[in-house]
Amino acid sequence: MGSCDRLMECIIILDTSALFIVAENLASLDSIYEIAGECKIVVIRHVVEELENIAKREHGRKAFLAKWILQNIIPRLRVVDIEFQGQVDDAIVEYAHELMEKGIKGMVATTDGKIKERVLRKGIRVITYRESEKIFEVL
């Protein structure tokens, strides 16, 4: 393998909706790791902050799940700080696009239809949840 081959990194960015699918035990994080292969799985700091806000401001099941994600999933992932001021969804799309511009293969794991559409329009692959199979799959 030459040094140029090593430059082609692969990063999967998880959004909040994908994390909730795992927390609700609808699909396992392992199904994303199976897709990932050599890819790194990350969350951006914006997603962590969104989960912290949900845990503090929401009540009931959603708050409980957000706390569970923060305690049990986030510590297993790499958290990436990006230079972006704005909404979480915009930050995810922007980070995925930045990766593509740097020659890094990026994918976004989401169940959010708006994010899926925006990312696919930019030519970035999407990993989404297939309810009938209870797994994540690449679109």
Protein backbone atom coordinates (compact mmCIF):
# COMPACT_ATOMS: atom_id res chain seq x y z
CA MET A 1 0.00 0.00 0.00
CA GLY A 2 1.51 3.35 -1.03
CA SER A 3 1.42 6.52 0.98
CA CYS A 4 -1.28 7.96 -1.30
CA ASP A 5 -3.59 5.06 -0.43
CA ARG A 6 -3.33 5.94 3.25
CA LEU A 7 -4.50 9.48 2.56
CA MET A 8 -7.95 8.24 1.53
CA GLU A 9 -9.55 8.30 4.93
CA CYS A 10 -13.14 7.43 5.59
CA ILE A 11 -15.27 9.04 8.28
CA ILE A 12 -18.85 8.29 9.27
CA ILE A 13 -20.63 11.15 11.02
CA LEU A 14 -23.47 10.15 13.34
CA ASP A 15 -26.33 12.54 13.86
CA THR A 16 -28.71 12.71 16.79
CA SER A 17 -31.45 10.69 15.08
CA ALA A 18 -29.10 7.75 14.41
CA LEU A 19 -27.97 7.79 18.03
CA PHE A 20 -31.59 7.68 19.21
CA ILE A 21 -32.22 4.61 17.01
CA VAL A 22 -29.38 2.85 18.84
CA ALA A 23 -30.55 4.08 22.26
CA GLU A 24 -34.08 2.86 21.58
CA ASN A 25 -32.56 -0.56 20.83
CA LEU A 26 -34.07 -0.56 17.33
CA ALA A 27 -30.67 -1.29 15.79
CA SER A 28 -27.24 -1.81 17.25
CA LEU A 29 -24.21 0.38 16.92
CA ASP A 30 -22.54 -2.80 15.65
CA SER A 31 -24.56 -2.57 12.43
CA ILE A 32 -22.89 0.80 11.77
CA TYR A 33 -19.48 -0.66 12.66
CA GLU A 34 -20.13 -3.46 10.15
CA ILE A 35 -20.73 -0.86 7.44
CA ALA A 36 -17.80 1.24 8.63
CA GLY A 37 -15.07 -1.29 8.00
CA GLU A 38 -11.93 0.88 8.11
CA CYS A 39 -13.92 4.10 8.56
CA LYS A 40 -13.73 6.13 11.74
CA ILE A 41 -17.08 6.79 13.40
CA VAL A 42 -17.41 10.28 14.85
CA VAL A 43 -19.90 12.76 16.24
CA ILE A 44 -19.44 16.48 16.00
CA ARG A 45 -19.49 18.57 19.16
CA HIS A 46 -22.77 20.16 17.97
CA VAL A 47 -24.51 16.77 18.32
CA VAL A 48 -23.15 16.28 21.85
CA GLU A 49 -24.39 19.75 22.80
CA GLU A 50 -27.80 19.00 21.28
CA LEU A 51 -28.02 15.82 23.38
CA GLU A 52 -27.00 17.75 26.49
CA ASN A 53 -29.77 20.27 25.81
CA ILE A 54 -32.34 17.52 25.30
CA ALA A 55 -31.22 15.85 28.53
CA LYS A 56 -31.62 19.14 30.45
CA ARG A 57 -34.72 20.63 28.83
CA GLU A 58 -36.87 17.69 27.80
CA HIS A 59 -38.74 15.37 30.11
CA GLY A 60 -39.61 11.71 30.01
CA ARG A 61 -38.26 9.11 27.61
CA LYS A 62 -36.47 11.49 25.24
CA ALA A 63 -34.46 13.07 28.08
CA PHE A 64 -33.70 9.64 29.54
CA LEU A 65 -32.44 8.39 26.16
CA ALA A 66 -30.32 11.51 25.62
CA LYS A 67 -28.67 10.97 29.01
CA TRP A 68 -28.13 7.30 28.19
CA ILE A 69 -26.49 8.20 24.86
CA LEU A 70 -24.21 10.71 26.60
CA GLN A 71 -23.18 8.16 29.21
CA ASN A 72 -22.96 4.99 27.10
CA ILE A 73 -22.37 5.79 23.43
CA ILE A 74 -20.57 9.13 23.22
CA PRO A 75 -17.59 7.93 25.32
CA ARG A 76 -17.04 5.16 22.73
CA LEU A 77 -16.86 7.63 19.85
CA ARG A 78 -14.47 10.32 18.71
CA VAL A 79 -15.98 13.78 19.23
CA VAL A 80 -14.88 16.28 16.59
CA ASP A 81 -14.80 20.02 17.17
CA ILE A 82 -15.52 21.95 13.98
CA GLU A 83 -15.41 25.64 13.18
CA PHE A 84 -19.08 26.25 12.44
CA GLN A 85 -21.62 28.54 14.02
CA GLY A 86 -25.18 27.48 13.39
CA GLN A 87 -27.73 24.71 13.61
CA VAL A 88 -26.70 21.10 14.20
CA ASP A 89 -28.09 19.87 10.87
CA ASP A 90 -26.20 22.57 8.98
CA ALA A 91 -23.00 21.72 10.84
CA ILE A 92 -23.29 18.02 9.93
CA VAL A 93 -23.88 18.79 6.25
CA GLU A 94 -21.07 21.35 6.20
CA TYR A 95 -18.58 18.98 7.90
CA ALA A 96 -19.42 16.14 5.51
CA HIS A 97 -18.95 18.52 2.57
CA GLU A 98 -15.62 19.77 3.97
CA LEU A 99 -14.40 16.18 4.24
CA MET A 100 -15.34 15.54 0.61
CA GLU A 101 -13.48 18.68 -0.50
CA LYS A 102 -10.37 17.43 1.36
CA GLY A 103 -10.56 14.08 -0.47
CA ILE A 104 -11.81 12.23 2.59
CA LYS A 105 -14.64 9.79 2.05
CA GLY A 106 -17.42 10.89 4.36
CA MET A 107 -20.79 9.36 5.11
CA VAL A 108 -23.59 10.62 7.33
CA ALA A 109 -25.64 8.25 9.49
CA THR A 110 -29.10 9.76 9.94
CA THR A 111 -32.80 9.01 9.86
CA ASP A 112 -33.66 12.68 9.33
CA GLY A 113 -35.21 13.07 5.88
CA LYS A 114 -34.07 16.66 5.41
CA ILE A 115 -30.46 15.86 6.26
CA LYS A 116 -30.55 12.78 4.00
CA GLU A 117 -31.78 14.85 1.08
CA ARG A 118 -29.24 17.64 1.59
CA VAL A 119 -26.31 15.24 1.95
CA LEU A 120 -27.29 13.10 -1.04
CA ARG A 121 -27.62 16.23 -3.21
CA LYS A 122 -23.98 17.01 -2.40
CA GLY A 123 -22.93 13.54 -3.54
CA ILE A 124 -22.24 12.25 -0.03
CA ARG A 125 -23.32 8.76 0.99
CA VAL A 126 -25.94 8.28 3.67
CA ILE A 127 -26.35 5.49 6.19
CA THR A 128 -29.94 5.17 7.33
CA TYR A 129 -32.09 2.83 9.37
CA ARG A 130 -34.10 0.14 7.62
CA GLU A 131 -36.98 -0.62 9.94
CA SER A 132 -37.97 -3.90 8.28
CA GLU A 133 -34.49 -5.35 8.86
CA LYS A 134 -33.70 -3.51 12.13
CA ILE A 135 -30.30 -2.47 10.73
CA PHE A 136 -28.50 0.52 9.30
CA GLU A 137 -27.72 0.44 5.58
CA VAL A 138 -25.98 2.62 3.01
CA LEU A 139 -28.10 4.49 0.49
